[in-house]
Amino acid sequence: MASETSLSITIIDDDVTLCEMVRDTLARKFPGTTFTTYNTGEDALAQITDQPDIVVLDYQLDSVRPDAMNGIQILSKLKERFPELPVIFMSAQDRMEVASNTIKYGAYDYIVKGETAFHKLELAVRQIAQMRTLKKSHGFQKAMNMVFWVLVLALVVYIVYLRLH
């Protein structure tokens, strides 16, 4: 991910309308973002081959398939494949133990669906995008530091060589 404008976001929610609302809201806030949506966690697990930048995941995913895995089960499977994947839960479940379990299993954030949910989702996505940008620039800085020290070492070796000859 180069910047906030080149995010890939996967949305996993059994509510088709909510998937569209999340996609539309984030598309307005993060132009250039690509979206993939799944209405079951099982479909997502079967079809995701490359790590997205962010996953937005519902906790209850059983309206399409009554025997469907729940969000924590999907989270665990995603984290097995992509340990660094940031997953944001967005769910109507407002029980504290559900929210704390999602965080315990590696979710980045837990947002309860309601009137402020989309604003909170935007903030979480923005934080993840900024962290990724910082990590990328930090990696570049580390590489430049390495180049600098290699050049310093080469210069020292060259000076020593000139003094000996």
N, C-alpha and C. Protein backbone atom coordinates (compact mmCIF):
# COMPACT_ATOMS: atom_id res chain seq x y z
N MET A 1 0.84 -1.18 0.00
CA MET A 1 0.00 0.00 0.00
C MET A 1 0.88 1.23 0.00
N ALA A 2 0.76 2.07 -0.99
CA ALA A 2 1.60 3.25 -1.09
C ALA A 2 1.09 4.40 -0.25
N SER A 3 -0.20 4.55 -0.16
CA SER A 3 -0.76 5.65 0.61
C SER A 3 -2.22 5.37 0.90
N GLU A 4 -2.89 6.34 1.54
CA GLU A 4 -4.31 6.19 1.81
C GLU A 4 -5.11 6.02 0.54
N THR A 5 -4.62 6.53 -0.59
CA THR A 5 -5.41 6.50 -1.81
C THR A 5 -5.28 5.20 -2.57
N SER A 6 -4.50 4.26 -2.08
CA SER A 6 -4.38 3.00 -2.79
C SER A 6 -4.64 1.81 -1.88
N LEU A 7 -5.64 1.94 -1.06
CA LEU A 7 -6.01 0.86 -0.14
C LEU A 7 -6.78 -0.24 -0.86
N SER A 8 -6.65 -1.45 -0.34
CA SER A 8 -7.55 -2.54 -0.74
C SER A 8 -8.27 -2.99 0.52
N ILE A 9 -9.58 -2.88 0.49
CA ILE A 9 -10.39 -3.19 1.66
C ILE A 9 -11.35 -4.32 1.31
N THR A 10 -11.38 -5.32 2.18
CA THR A 10 -12.31 -6.43 2.05
C THR A 10 -13.38 -6.28 3.12
N ILE A 11 -14.64 -6.40 2.71
CA ILE A 11 -15.77 -6.28 3.62
C ILE A 11 -16.46 -7.64 3.69
N ILE A 12 -16.62 -8.15 4.90
CA ILE A 12 -17.29 -9.44 5.09
C ILE A 12 -18.48 -9.21 6.02
N ASP A 13 -19.68 -9.24 5.44
CA ASP A 13 -20.90 -9.01 6.20
C ASP A 13 -22.04 -9.68 5.47
N ASP A 14 -22.92 -10.35 6.19
CA ASP A 14 -24.04 -11.04 5.55
C ASP A 14 -25.18 -10.10 5.17
N ASP A 15 -25.06 -8.83 5.50
CA ASP A 15 -26.05 -7.82 5.13
C ASP A 15 -25.54 -7.09 3.89
N VAL A 16 -26.13 -7.42 2.73
CA VAL A 16 -25.68 -6.86 1.45
C VAL A 16 -25.78 -5.34 1.46
N THR A 17 -26.85 -4.80 2.01
CA THR A 17 -27.04 -3.35 2.05
C THR A 17 -25.95 -2.69 2.88
N LEU A 18 -25.62 -3.27 4.01
CA LEU A 18 -24.56 -2.71 4.84
C LEU A 18 -23.21 -2.76 4.12
N CYS A 19 -22.95 -3.85 3.42
CA CYS A 19 -21.69 -3.94 2.63
C CYS A 19 -21.60 -2.75 1.66
N GLU A 20 -22.71 -2.49 0.98
CA GLU A 20 -22.73 -1.38 0.02
C GLU A 20 -22.55 -0.03 0.72
N MET A 21 -23.17 0.13 1.88
CA MET A 21 -23.04 1.39 2.61
C MET A 21 -21.60 1.60 3.09
N VAL A 22 -20.97 0.56 3.60
CA VAL A 22 -19.58 0.66 4.04
C VAL A 22 -18.69 1.00 2.84
N ARG A 23 -18.89 0.28 1.74
CA ARG A 23 -18.09 0.54 0.54
C ARG A 23 -18.28 1.98 0.04
N ASP A 24 -19.52 2.42 -0.06
CA ASP A 24 -19.79 3.78 -0.56
C ASP A 24 -19.20 4.84 0.36
N THR A 25 -19.36 4.65 1.67
CA THR A 25 -18.84 5.62 2.64
C THR A 25 -17.32 5.71 2.55
N LEU A 26 -16.65 4.56 2.56
CA LEU A 26 -15.18 4.57 2.52
C LEU A 26 -14.65 5.00 1.15
N ALA A 27 -15.37 4.70 0.09
CA ALA A 27 -14.94 5.14 -1.25
C ALA A 27 -14.92 6.66 -1.36
N ARG A 28 -15.89 7.31 -0.70
CA ARG A 28 -15.91 8.78 -0.71
C ARG A 28 -14.75 9.35 0.09
N LYS A 29 -14.41 8.70 1.19
CA LYS A 29 -13.36 9.20 2.08
C LYS A 29 -11.96 8.82 1.61
N PHE A 30 -11.84 7.71 0.89
CA PHE A 30 -10.54 7.20 0.44
C PHE A 30 -10.60 6.88 -1.06
N PRO A 31 -10.54 7.95 -1.89
CA PRO A 31 -10.61 7.73 -3.34
C PRO A 31 -9.47 6.82 -3.81
N GLY A 32 -9.77 6.00 -4.79
CA GLY A 32 -8.76 5.09 -5.32
C GLY A 32 -8.72 3.75 -4.61
N THR A 33 -9.53 3.60 -3.58
CA THR A 33 -9.57 2.34 -2.84
C THR A 33 -10.29 1.28 -3.66
N THR A 34 -9.79 0.05 -3.60
CA THR A 34 -10.48 -1.06 -4.23
C THR A 34 -11.17 -1.87 -3.13
N PHE A 35 -12.35 -2.35 -3.44
CA PHE A 35 -13.17 -3.06 -2.47
C PHE A 35 -13.53 -4.44 -2.99
N THR A 36 -13.55 -5.39 -2.08
CA THR A 36 -14.07 -6.72 -2.35
C THR A 36 -15.03 -7.03 -1.22
N THR A 37 -16.22 -7.52 -1.56
CA THR A 37 -17.20 -7.82 -0.53
C THR A 37 -17.58 -9.31 -0.59
N TYR A 38 -17.84 -9.84 0.59
CA TYR A 38 -18.29 -11.23 0.73
C TYR A 38 -19.45 -11.25 1.72
N ASN A 39 -20.45 -12.08 1.43
CA ASN A 39 -21.60 -12.19 2.31
C ASN A 39 -21.51 -13.36 3.27
N THR A 40 -20.46 -14.16 3.13
CA THR A 40 -20.18 -15.21 4.11
C THR A 40 -18.68 -15.24 4.37
N GLY A 41 -18.33 -15.58 5.58
CA GLY A 41 -16.92 -15.71 5.91
C GLY A 41 -16.28 -16.86 5.17
N GLU A 42 -17.05 -17.92 4.96
CA GLU A 42 -16.52 -19.08 4.24
C GLU A 42 -16.14 -18.70 2.81
N ASP A 43 -16.99 -17.89 2.13
CA ASP A 43 -16.65 -17.43 0.78
C ASP A 43 -15.37 -16.60 0.81
N ALA A 44 -15.26 -15.73 1.79
CA ALA A 44 -14.06 -14.89 1.90
C ALA A 44 -12.82 -15.75 2.08
N LEU A 45 -12.89 -16.71 2.98
CA LEU A 45 -11.72 -17.57 3.22
C LEU A 45 -11.34 -18.37 1.98
N ALA A 46 -12.35 -18.79 1.22
CA ALA A 46 -12.08 -19.58 0.01
C ALA A 46 -11.50 -18.74 -1.11
N GLN A 47 -11.82 -17.44 -1.14
CA GLN A 47 -11.45 -16.63 -2.30
C GLN A 47 -10.31 -15.64 -2.06
N ILE A 48 -10.02 -15.30 -0.83
CA ILE A 48 -8.93 -14.35 -0.57
C ILE A 48 -7.61 -15.07 -0.72
N THR A 49 -6.82 -14.63 -1.71
CA THR A 49 -5.50 -15.23 -1.92
C THR A 49 -4.38 -14.26 -1.57
N ASP A 50 -4.60 -12.99 -1.81
CA ASP A 50 -3.61 -11.96 -1.47
C ASP A 50 -4.12 -11.16 -0.29
N GLN A 51 -3.20 -10.75 0.57
CA GLN A 51 -3.59 -10.01 1.77
C GLN A 51 -4.13 -8.64 1.40
N PRO A 52 -5.36 -8.34 1.79
CA PRO A 52 -5.86 -6.96 1.62
C PRO A 52 -5.18 -6.06 2.64
N ASP A 53 -5.33 -4.77 2.47
CA ASP A 53 -4.77 -3.83 3.43
C ASP A 53 -5.58 -3.82 4.73
N ILE A 54 -6.90 -3.98 4.59
CA ILE A 54 -7.81 -3.92 5.74
C ILE A 54 -8.99 -4.85 5.47
N VAL A 55 -9.48 -5.47 6.54
CA VAL A 55 -10.73 -6.23 6.47
C VAL A 55 -11.71 -5.62 7.46
N VAL A 56 -12.93 -5.39 6.98
CA VAL A 56 -14.03 -4.97 7.85
C VAL A 56 -14.93 -6.20 7.98
N LEU A 57 -15.14 -6.66 9.21
CA LEU A 57 -15.77 -7.94 9.46
C LEU A 57 -16.91 -7.83 10.46
N ASP A 58 -18.02 -8.49 10.15
CA ASP A 58 -19.15 -8.57 11.07
C ASP A 58 -18.94 -9.76 12.00
N TYR A 59 -19.57 -9.73 13.16
CA TYR A 59 -19.45 -10.84 14.10
C TYR A 59 -20.45 -11.96 13.76
N GLN A 60 -21.72 -11.60 13.59
CA GLN A 60 -22.75 -12.58 13.25
C GLN A 60 -22.84 -12.68 11.74
N LEU A 61 -22.57 -13.85 11.20
CA LEU A 61 -22.56 -14.04 9.74
C LEU A 61 -23.47 -15.18 9.33
N ASP A 62 -24.56 -15.38 10.06
CA ASP A 62 -25.37 -16.57 9.83
C ASP A 62 -26.71 -16.34 9.14
N SER A 63 -26.95 -15.18 8.55
CA SER A 63 -28.23 -14.98 7.87
C SER A 63 -28.26 -15.64 6.49
N VAL A 64 -27.12 -15.82 5.86
CA VAL A 64 -27.07 -16.50 4.57
C VAL A 64 -26.98 -18.01 4.78
N ARG A 65 -26.13 -18.40 5.72
CA ARG A 65 -25.96 -19.82 6.07
C ARG A 65 -26.12 -19.96 7.58
N PRO A 66 -27.15 -20.65 8.04
CA PRO A 66 -27.36 -20.77 9.49
C PRO A 66 -26.20 -21.43 10.22
N ASP A 67 -25.42 -22.26 9.53
CA ASP A 67 -24.30 -22.95 10.17
C ASP A 67 -22.97 -22.23 9.94
N ALA A 68 -23.04 -20.98 9.56
CA ALA A 68 -21.83 -20.22 9.22
C ALA A 68 -20.95 -19.98 10.44
N MET A 69 -19.65 -19.85 10.16
CA MET A 69 -18.71 -19.48 11.22
C MET A 69 -19.01 -18.06 11.67
N ASN A 70 -18.68 -17.76 12.92
CA ASN A 70 -18.85 -16.39 13.38
C ASN A 70 -17.59 -15.58 13.08
N GLY A 71 -17.64 -14.30 13.37
CA GLY A 71 -16.54 -13.41 13.05
C GLY A 71 -15.22 -13.77 13.71
N ILE A 72 -15.26 -14.24 14.94
CA ILE A 72 -14.01 -14.61 15.63
C ILE A 72 -13.37 -15.80 14.94
N GLN A 73 -14.19 -16.76 14.50
CA GLN A 73 -13.65 -17.91 13.78
C GLN A 73 -13.01 -17.48 12.46
N ILE A 74 -13.68 -16.55 11.77
CA ILE A 74 -13.12 -16.03 10.51
C ILE A 74 -11.84 -15.26 10.80
N LEU A 75 -11.86 -14.42 11.83
CA LEU A 75 -10.67 -13.66 12.23
C LEU A 75 -9.49 -14.61 12.47
N SER A 76 -9.72 -15.68 13.22
CA SER A 76 -8.64 -16.62 13.53
C SER A 76 -8.05 -17.22 12.27
N LYS A 77 -8.90 -17.59 11.34
CA LYS A 77 -8.42 -18.19 10.08
C LYS A 77 -7.67 -17.15 9.24
N LEU A 78 -8.16 -15.92 9.21
CA LEU A 78 -7.46 -14.87 8.46
C LEU A 78 -6.09 -14.59 9.07
N LYS A 79 -6.04 -14.54 10.41
CA LYS A 79 -4.77 -14.25 11.09
C LYS A 79 -3.76 -15.39 10.91
N GLU A 80 -4.24 -16.64 10.75
CA GLU A 80 -3.32 -17.74 10.46
C GLU A 80 -2.60 -17.49 9.13
N ARG A 81 -3.34 -17.00 8.16
CA ARG A 81 -2.78 -16.74 6.83
C ARG A 81 -2.01 -15.43 6.76
N PHE A 82 -2.56 -14.41 7.39
CA PHE A 82 -2.00 -13.06 7.30
C PHE A 82 -1.87 -12.48 8.71
N PRO A 83 -0.82 -12.82 9.45
CA PRO A 83 -0.71 -12.40 10.86
C PRO A 83 -0.76 -10.89 11.08
N GLU A 84 -0.30 -10.11 10.13
CA GLU A 84 -0.26 -8.65 10.30
C GLU A 84 -1.50 -7.95 9.76
N LEU A 85 -2.48 -8.70 9.29
CA LEU A 85 -3.68 -8.12 8.68
C LEU A 85 -4.50 -7.36 9.70
N PRO A 86 -4.76 -6.05 9.47
CA PRO A 86 -5.64 -5.32 10.37
C PRO A 86 -7.11 -5.62 10.06
N VAL A 87 -7.82 -6.10 11.07
CA VAL A 87 -9.24 -6.45 10.92
C VAL A 87 -10.04 -5.56 11.86
N ILE A 88 -11.01 -4.86 11.29
CA ILE A 88 -11.90 -4.00 12.05
C ILE A 88 -13.26 -4.69 12.12
N PHE A 89 -13.70 -5.00 13.33
CA PHE A 89 -15.04 -5.56 13.50
C PHE A 89 -16.03 -4.41 13.49
N MET A 90 -17.14 -4.62 12.78
CA MET A 90 -18.25 -3.67 12.80
C MET A 90 -19.49 -4.53 12.96
N SER A 91 -20.06 -4.52 14.16
CA SER A 91 -21.10 -5.48 14.49
C SER A 91 -22.18 -4.85 15.36
N ALA A 92 -23.35 -5.44 15.30
CA ALA A 92 -24.45 -5.01 16.17
C ALA A 92 -24.30 -5.59 17.57
N GLN A 93 -23.42 -6.54 17.73
CA GLN A 93 -23.18 -7.14 19.05
C GLN A 93 -22.56 -6.09 19.96
N ASP A 94 -23.27 -5.70 21.00
CA ASP A 94 -22.73 -4.68 21.90
C ASP A 94 -22.33 -5.26 23.25
N ARG A 95 -22.18 -6.58 23.31
CA ARG A 95 -21.73 -7.21 24.56
C ARG A 95 -20.22 -7.04 24.70
N MET A 96 -19.82 -6.64 25.90
CA MET A 96 -18.40 -6.37 26.17
C MET A 96 -17.53 -7.60 25.93
N GLU A 97 -18.00 -8.79 26.29
CA GLU A 97 -17.18 -9.98 26.12
C GLU A 97 -16.93 -10.30 24.64
N VAL A 98 -17.88 -9.99 23.78
CA VAL A 98 -17.69 -10.20 22.34
C VAL A 98 -16.60 -9.25 21.84
N ALA A 99 -16.73 -7.98 22.19
CA ALA A 99 -15.74 -6.99 21.77
C ALA A 99 -14.35 -7.34 22.29
N SER A 100 -14.25 -7.70 23.55
CA SER A 100 -12.94 -8.01 24.11
C SER A 100 -12.35 -9.28 23.50
N ASN A 101 -13.18 -10.25 23.16
CA ASN A 101 -12.68 -11.46 22.51
C ASN A 101 -12.14 -11.17 21.11
N THR A 102 -12.79 -10.26 20.39
CA THR A 102 -12.27 -9.95 19.05
C THR A 102 -10.88 -9.32 19.16
N ILE A 103 -10.71 -8.44 20.12
CA ILE A 103 -9.40 -7.80 20.32
C ILE A 103 -8.38 -8.85 20.78
N LYS A 104 -8.81 -9.73 21.67
CA LYS A 104 -7.93 -10.80 22.17
C LYS A 104 -7.42 -11.67 21.03
N TYR A 105 -8.27 -11.92 20.04
CA TYR A 105 -7.87 -12.76 18.91
C TYR A 105 -7.22 -11.98 17.78
N GLY A 106 -6.95 -10.70 17.99
CA GLY A 106 -6.15 -9.96 17.02
C GLY A 106 -6.83 -8.89 16.21
N ALA A 107 -8.08 -8.57 16.52
CA ALA A 107 -8.75 -7.49 15.78
C ALA A 107 -8.09 -6.16 16.10
N TYR A 108 -8.06 -5.28 15.14
CA TYR A 108 -7.51 -3.95 15.32
C TYR A 108 -8.46 -3.08 16.13
N ASP A 109 -9.77 -3.21 15.84
CA ASP A 109 -10.77 -2.37 16.51
C ASP A 109 -12.11 -3.08 16.48
N TYR A 110 -13.00 -2.65 17.36
CA TYR A 110 -14.36 -3.18 17.42
C TYR A 110 -15.30 -1.99 17.45
N ILE A 111 -16.17 -1.92 16.45
CA ILE A 111 -17.10 -0.80 16.34
C ILE A 111 -18.53 -1.36 16.39
N VAL A 112 -19.33 -0.81 17.28
CA VAL A 112 -20.73 -1.23 17.37
C VAL A 112 -21.53 -0.44 16.33
N LYS A 113 -22.32 -1.17 15.54
CA LYS A 113 -23.14 -0.52 14.53
C LYS A 113 -24.12 0.43 15.21
N GLY A 114 -24.19 1.63 14.68
CA GLY A 114 -25.05 2.66 15.24
C GLY A 114 -24.80 3.95 14.50
N GLU A 115 -25.28 5.04 15.05
CA GLU A 115 -25.22 6.31 14.33
C GLU A 115 -23.80 6.85 14.16
N THR A 116 -22.87 6.47 15.00
CA THR A 116 -21.49 6.96 14.87
C THR A 116 -20.54 5.93 14.24
N ALA A 117 -21.08 4.78 13.85
CA ALA A 117 -20.24 3.68 13.38
C ALA A 117 -19.42 4.05 12.15
N PHE A 118 -20.02 4.73 11.18
CA PHE A 118 -19.29 5.04 9.96
C PHE A 118 -18.17 6.04 10.21
N HIS A 119 -18.42 6.98 11.11
CA HIS A 119 -17.37 7.94 11.47
C HIS A 119 -16.21 7.22 12.15
N LYS A 120 -16.53 6.32 13.09
CA LYS A 120 -15.49 5.55 13.78
C LYS A 120 -14.74 4.65 12.81
N LEU A 121 -15.45 4.08 11.86
CA LEU A 121 -14.81 3.24 10.85
C LEU A 121 -13.84 4.05 10.01
N GLU A 122 -14.26 5.24 9.60
CA GLU A 122 -13.36 6.11 8.83
C GLU A 122 -12.09 6.42 9.63
N LEU A 123 -12.24 6.74 10.91
CA LEU A 123 -11.08 7.04 11.74
C LEU A 123 -10.15 5.83 11.86
N ALA A 124 -10.71 4.65 12.04
CA ALA A 124 -9.88 3.44 12.16
C ALA A 124 -9.13 3.16 10.86
N VAL A 125 -9.82 3.30 9.73
CA VAL A 125 -9.17 3.08 8.43
C VAL A 125 -8.06 4.11 8.23
N ARG A 126 -8.32 5.35 8.58
CA ARG A 126 -7.31 6.40 8.43
C ARG A 126 -6.08 6.10 9.31
N GLN A 127 -6.30 5.64 10.53
CA GLN A 127 -5.18 5.29 11.41
C GLN A 127 -4.35 4.15 10.82
N ILE A 128 -5.01 3.13 10.31
CA ILE A 128 -4.29 2.01 9.70
C ILE A 128 -3.49 2.48 8.50
N ALA A 129 -4.10 3.30 7.66
CA ALA A 129 -3.41 3.81 6.47
C ALA A 129 -2.19 4.64 6.87
N GLN A 130 -2.34 5.47 7.90
CA GLN A 130 -1.21 6.28 8.36
C GLN A 130 -0.11 5.42 8.96
N MET A 131 -0.48 4.39 9.72
CA MET A 131 0.54 3.49 10.27
C MET A 131 1.31 2.79 9.17
N ARG A 132 0.61 2.36 8.14
CA ARG A 132 1.28 1.68 7.03
C ARG A 132 2.21 2.63 6.29
N THR A 133 1.79 3.86 6.13
CA THR A 133 2.65 4.86 5.48
C THR A 133 3.89 5.10 6.32
N LEU A 134 3.72 5.20 7.63
CA LEU A 134 4.88 5.39 8.52
C LEU A 134 5.82 4.20 8.48
N LYS A 135 5.28 2.99 8.48
CA LYS A 135 6.12 1.79 8.41
C LYS A 135 6.91 1.77 7.11
N LYS A 136 6.25 2.15 6.03
CA LYS A 136 6.93 2.17 4.73
C LYS A 136 8.05 3.21 4.73
N SER A 137 7.78 4.40 5.25
CA SER A 137 8.82 5.43 5.27
C SER A 137 9.92 5.07 6.25
N HIS A 138 9.58 4.38 7.33
CA HIS A 138 10.59 3.92 8.29
C HIS A 138 11.50 2.89 7.62
N GLY A 139 10.92 2.00 6.83
CA GLY A 139 11.71 1.01 6.10
C GLY A 139 12.66 1.68 5.12
N PHE A 140 12.19 2.72 4.44
CA PHE A 140 13.03 3.46 3.51
C PHE A 140 14.17 4.14 4.28
N GLN A 141 13.85 4.72 5.43
CA GLN A 141 14.86 5.39 6.24
C GLN A 141 15.92 4.40 6.70
N LYS A 142 15.51 3.21 7.11
CA LYS A 142 16.47 2.19 7.53
C LYS A 142 17.38 1.80 6.36
N ALA A 143 16.83 1.69 5.19
CA ALA A 143 17.64 1.34 4.01
C ALA A 143 18.64 2.45 3.71
N MET A 144 18.21 3.69 3.82
CA MET A 144 19.11 4.81 3.55
C MET A 144 20.22 4.87 4.60
N ASN A 145 19.90 4.58 5.86
CA ASN A 145 20.92 4.52 6.90
C ASN A 145 21.95 3.45 6.60
N MET A 146 21.51 2.31 6.12
CA MET A 146 22.41 1.22 5.76
C MET A 146 23.34 1.65 4.62
N VAL A 147 22.78 2.30 3.62
CA VAL A 147 23.60 2.80 2.51
C VAL A 147 24.64 3.79 3.02
N PHE A 148 24.20 4.69 3.89
CA PHE A 148 25.12 5.68 4.45
C PHE A 148 26.30 4.99 5.15
N TRP A 149 26.02 4.01 6.01
CA TRP A 149 27.09 3.36 6.76
C TRP A 149 27.98 2.51 5.86
N VAL A 150 27.44 1.94 4.81
CA VAL A 150 28.28 1.21 3.85
C VAL A 150 29.22 2.18 3.15
N LEU A 151 28.70 3.35 2.78
CA LEU A 151 29.55 4.35 2.13
C LEU A 151 30.63 4.86 3.08
N VAL A 152 30.28 5.09 4.35
CA VAL A 152 31.27 5.52 5.34
C VAL A 152 32.36 4.45 5.50
N LEU A 153 31.95 3.21 5.60
CA LEU A 153 32.91 2.12 5.73
C LEU A 153 33.80 2.03 4.49
N ALA A 154 33.22 2.16 3.32
CA ALA A 154 34.00 2.13 2.08
C ALA A 154 35.00 3.28 2.05
N LEU A 155 34.59 4.45 2.51
CA LEU A 155 35.49 5.60 2.55
C LEU A 155 36.64 5.35 3.52
N VAL A 156 36.36 4.81 4.68
CA VAL A 156 37.41 4.50 5.67
C VAL A 156 38.39 3.48 5.08
N VAL A 157 37.87 2.44 4.46
CA VAL A 157 38.73 1.42 3.85
C VAL A 157 39.59 2.06 2.77
N TYR A 158 39.02 2.94 1.98
CA TYR A 158 39.77 3.60 0.91
C TYR A 158 40.88 4.49 1.49
N ILE A 159 40.58 5.22 2.55
CA ILE A 159 41.60 6.09 3.19
C ILE A 159 42.71 5.23 3.76
N VAL A 160 42.39 4.17 4.42
CA VAL A 160 43.41 3.26 4.96
C VAL A 160 44.26 2.68 3.84
N TYR A 161 43.60 2.30 2.76
CA TYR A 161 44.31 1.76 1.60
C TYR A 161 45.31 2.79 1.04
N LEU A 162 44.86 4.04 0.93
CA LEU A 162 45.74 5.09 0.39
C LEU A 162 46.93 5.34 1.31
N ARG A 163 46.74 5.29 2.59
CA ARG A 163 47.81 5.51 3.55
C ARG A 163 48.82 4.38 3.53
N LEU A 164 48.38 3.17 3.27
CA LEU A 164 49.29 2.02 3.23
C LEU A 164 50.06 1.94 1.92
N HIS A 165 49.60 2.60 0.91
CA HIS A 165 50.29 2.52 -0.39
C HIS A 165 50.88 3.83 -0.75
